[in-house]
Amino acid sequence: MIFPFRRDVAFAGDEVRFSCMSEINDLYQEVILEHNKNPRNFREIEGADKMADGKNPLCGDALRVYVEMDGDTVKDVSFKGSGCAISKASASMMTQAVKGKSRDDAEIIFDEFHRMVLGELDEESEENHLGKLKIFAGVREFPARVKCASLSWHTLNAALHGEDIVSTE
């Protein structure tokens, strides 16, 4: 019998410890730290078709998302700014997830990501397009961090809809 979310369980003399949750947390931390240290698409796009500024007044995260469209396709997307590790990692992974996607597909991924971090989408049992972005599911346990993880997504959505600025407040 497996108890996947208990890392402190051991059975009489068993050296086996259940560490599924610990392994998920370790993976989450590794991914966040890697994307924070080496963010993908962390640059300006000269002549971007669309851009928007996003701010999270609660913790001071601030970024700008740049989008270059080719018709209805997100040809290129990038970001610049400063923020906590979760904010920067989410922005980095967001750019990878939506580059090359249609505007509609990018909006679907935004909606699914947002619902996931709010706890309104069960990423494991409900059909979705999140892929590697599922790593952020645990953020929903920390309401203040939901805004950090979703800032870049709201900023992308604003840019795609011609809005100049968005705030998580």
Protein backbone atom coordinates (compact mmCIF):
# COMPACT_ATOMS: atom_id res chain seq x y z
CA MET A 1 0.00 0.00 0.00
CA ILE A 2 1.36 3.43 -0.93
CA PHE A 3 0.68 6.64 0.95
CA PRO A 4 1.92 9.21 -1.57
CA PHE A 5 1.72 12.36 0.52
CA ARG A 6 3.33 11.16 3.71
CA ARG A 7 7.08 11.34 3.90
CA ASP A 8 7.33 10.59 7.58
CA VAL A 9 5.66 7.16 7.55
CA ALA A 10 7.74 4.09 8.31
CA PHE A 11 6.49 0.64 9.16
CA ALA A 12 7.90 -1.42 12.05
CA GLY A 13 11.51 -1.82 11.13
CA ASP A 14 11.00 -0.89 7.49
CA GLU A 15 13.72 1.38 6.20
CA VAL A 16 11.37 2.42 3.42
CA ARG A 17 10.11 5.94 3.82
CA PHE A 18 7.40 7.32 1.63
CA SER A 19 8.85 10.35 -0.03
CA CYS A 20 6.61 11.09 -2.98
CA MET A 21 5.62 14.51 -1.67
CA SER A 22 9.21 15.27 -0.78
CA GLU A 23 10.32 14.34 -4.29
CA ILE A 24 7.62 16.55 -5.82
CA ASN A 25 8.69 19.43 -3.58
CA ASP A 26 12.33 18.89 -4.51
CA LEU A 27 11.49 18.87 -8.23
CA TYR A 28 9.37 21.99 -7.81
CA GLN A 29 12.23 23.77 -6.04
CA GLU A 30 14.76 22.66 -8.67
CA VAL A 31 12.62 23.91 -11.54
CA ILE A 32 11.86 27.22 -9.82
CA LEU A 33 15.51 27.81 -8.95
CA GLU A 34 16.73 26.87 -12.44
CA HIS A 35 14.28 29.18 -14.22
CA ASN A 36 14.98 31.96 -11.71
CA LYS A 37 18.74 31.67 -12.20
CA ASN A 38 18.56 31.18 -15.99
CA PRO A 39 15.23 32.60 -17.16
CA ARG A 40 14.28 31.76 -20.72
CA ASN A 41 13.35 34.62 -23.06
CA PHE A 42 14.47 37.26 -20.55
CA ARG A 43 14.99 40.09 -23.03
CA GLU A 44 13.24 42.88 -24.87
CA ILE A 45 11.79 42.31 -28.30
CA GLU A 46 12.61 45.33 -30.44
CA GLY A 47 9.53 46.34 -32.39
CA ALA A 48 7.18 44.06 -30.44
CA ASP A 49 3.59 44.25 -31.69
CA LYS A 50 2.21 44.17 -28.17
CA MET A 51 3.49 44.76 -24.69
CA ALA A 52 2.09 45.25 -21.22
CA ASP A 53 3.42 46.01 -17.76
CA GLY A 54 2.45 43.93 -14.77
CA LYS A 55 2.82 44.78 -11.11
CA ASN A 56 2.28 42.86 -7.91
CA PRO A 57 2.21 45.59 -5.24
CA LEU A 58 2.05 43.05 -2.42
CA CYS A 59 5.58 41.74 -2.96
CA GLY A 60 7.05 44.22 -5.45
CA ASP A 61 7.18 42.03 -8.55
CA ALA A 62 7.17 44.13 -11.72
CA LEU A 63 7.65 42.98 -15.29
CA ARG A 64 6.99 43.83 -18.89
CA VAL A 65 5.85 41.20 -21.38
CA TYR A 66 6.70 41.64 -25.06
CA VAL A 67 4.76 39.82 -27.77
CA GLU A 68 5.52 39.60 -31.49
CA MET A 69 2.61 38.25 -33.49
CA ASP A 70 2.63 36.68 -36.93
CA GLY A 71 -1.02 36.91 -37.90
CA ASP A 72 -2.81 35.00 -35.15
CA THR A 73 0.33 33.20 -33.92
CA VAL A 74 2.58 34.20 -31.04
CA LYS A 75 5.80 34.31 -33.06
CA ASP A 76 7.93 35.44 -30.13
CA VAL A 77 7.34 36.34 -26.50
CA SER A 78 9.69 37.57 -23.82
CA PHE A 79 9.81 39.46 -20.55
CA LYS A 80 11.99 41.82 -18.52
CA GLY A 81 11.68 42.88 -14.94
CA SER A 82 12.32 41.89 -11.39
CA GLY A 83 10.55 39.76 -8.88
CA CYS A 84 10.69 36.77 -6.61
CA ALA A 85 11.86 33.37 -7.82
CA ILE A 86 8.30 32.10 -8.38
CA SER A 87 7.36 35.14 -10.43
CA LYS A 88 10.45 34.96 -12.62
CA ALA A 89 10.24 31.18 -13.09
CA SER A 90 6.57 31.39 -14.02
CA ALA A 91 7.29 34.10 -16.59
CA SER A 92 10.15 32.05 -18.02
CA MET A 93 8.04 28.92 -18.38
CA MET A 94 5.10 30.95 -19.70
CA THR A 95 7.19 32.22 -22.62
CA GLN A 96 8.19 28.68 -23.50
CA ALA A 97 4.60 27.43 -23.25
CA VAL A 98 2.97 30.01 -25.54
CA LYS A 99 5.65 30.67 -28.14
CA GLY A 100 4.42 29.37 -31.49
CA LYS A 101 0.85 28.95 -30.24
CA SER A 102 -2.20 30.69 -31.65
CA ARG A 103 -3.70 33.56 -29.66
CA ASP A 104 -6.65 31.30 -28.79
CA ASP A 105 -4.37 28.50 -27.57
CA ALA A 106 -2.34 30.97 -25.47
CA GLU A 107 -5.59 32.20 -23.89
CA ILE A 108 -6.67 28.62 -23.15
CA ILE A 109 -3.35 27.89 -21.43
CA PHE A 110 -3.66 31.16 -19.47
CA ASP A 111 -7.15 30.17 -18.31
CA GLU A 112 -6.08 26.65 -17.33
CA PHE A 113 -2.98 27.90 -15.49
CA HIS A 114 -5.00 30.53 -13.62
CA ARG A 115 -7.70 28.03 -12.63
CA MET A 116 -5.04 25.52 -11.55
CA VAL A 117 -3.23 27.90 -9.19
CA LEU A 118 -6.58 29.02 -7.76
CA GLY A 119 -7.52 25.38 -7.10
CA GLU A 120 -10.39 25.44 -9.62
CA LEU A 121 -8.77 22.94 -12.01
CA ASP A 122 -7.51 19.51 -11.00
CA GLU A 123 -4.57 19.30 -13.35
CA GLU A 124 -4.22 15.55 -12.86
CA SER A 125 -7.81 14.47 -13.53
CA GLU A 126 -9.17 17.18 -15.85
CA GLU A 127 -8.09 17.49 -19.47
CA ASN A 128 -5.70 20.41 -19.96
CA HIS A 129 -2.79 21.76 -21.98
CA LEU A 130 -0.47 22.60 -19.07
CA GLY A 131 2.32 20.07 -19.54
CA LYS A 132 5.35 21.14 -17.49
CA LEU A 133 3.39 24.05 -16.03
CA LYS A 134 1.72 21.58 -13.66
CA ILE A 135 4.76 22.06 -11.46
CA PHE A 136 3.07 25.24 -10.19
CA ALA A 137 0.02 23.38 -8.84
CA GLY A 138 1.39 23.49 -5.29
CA VAL A 139 1.32 27.29 -5.32
CA ARG A 140 -2.41 27.15 -4.62
CA GLU A 141 -1.57 26.14 -1.06
CA PHE A 142 0.01 29.57 -0.54
CA PRO A 143 -2.51 32.28 -1.54
CA ALA A 144 0.05 35.11 -1.46
CA ARG A 145 2.21 33.18 -3.95
CA VAL A 146 -0.67 32.66 -6.39
CA LYS A 147 -0.28 36.30 -7.39
CA CYS A 148 3.45 35.82 -7.90
CA ALA A 149 2.93 32.80 -10.16
CA SER A 150 0.10 34.35 -12.16
CA LEU A 151 1.46 37.89 -12.67
CA SER A 152 3.22 37.14 -15.96
CA TRP A 153 0.14 35.30 -17.24
CA HIS A 154 -2.15 38.22 -16.49
CA THR A 155 0.37 40.51 -18.14
CA LEU A 156 0.51 38.34 -21.26
CA ASN A 157 -3.29 38.29 -21.37
CA ALA A 158 -3.36 42.08 -21.07
CA ALA A 159 -0.85 42.43 -23.92
CA LEU A 160 -2.86 40.10 -26.15
CA HIS A 161 -5.96 42.23 -25.50
CA GLY A 162 -4.24 45.57 -26.11
CA GLU A 163 -4.13 46.64 -22.46
CA ASP A 164 -1.03 48.48 -21.27
CA ILE A 165 -0.92 47.66 -17.58
CA VAL A 166 -2.25 45.07 -15.15
CA SER A 167 -2.01 44.66 -11.39
CA THR A 168 -2.63 41.65 -9.18
CA GLU A 169 -4.44 43.92 -6.69
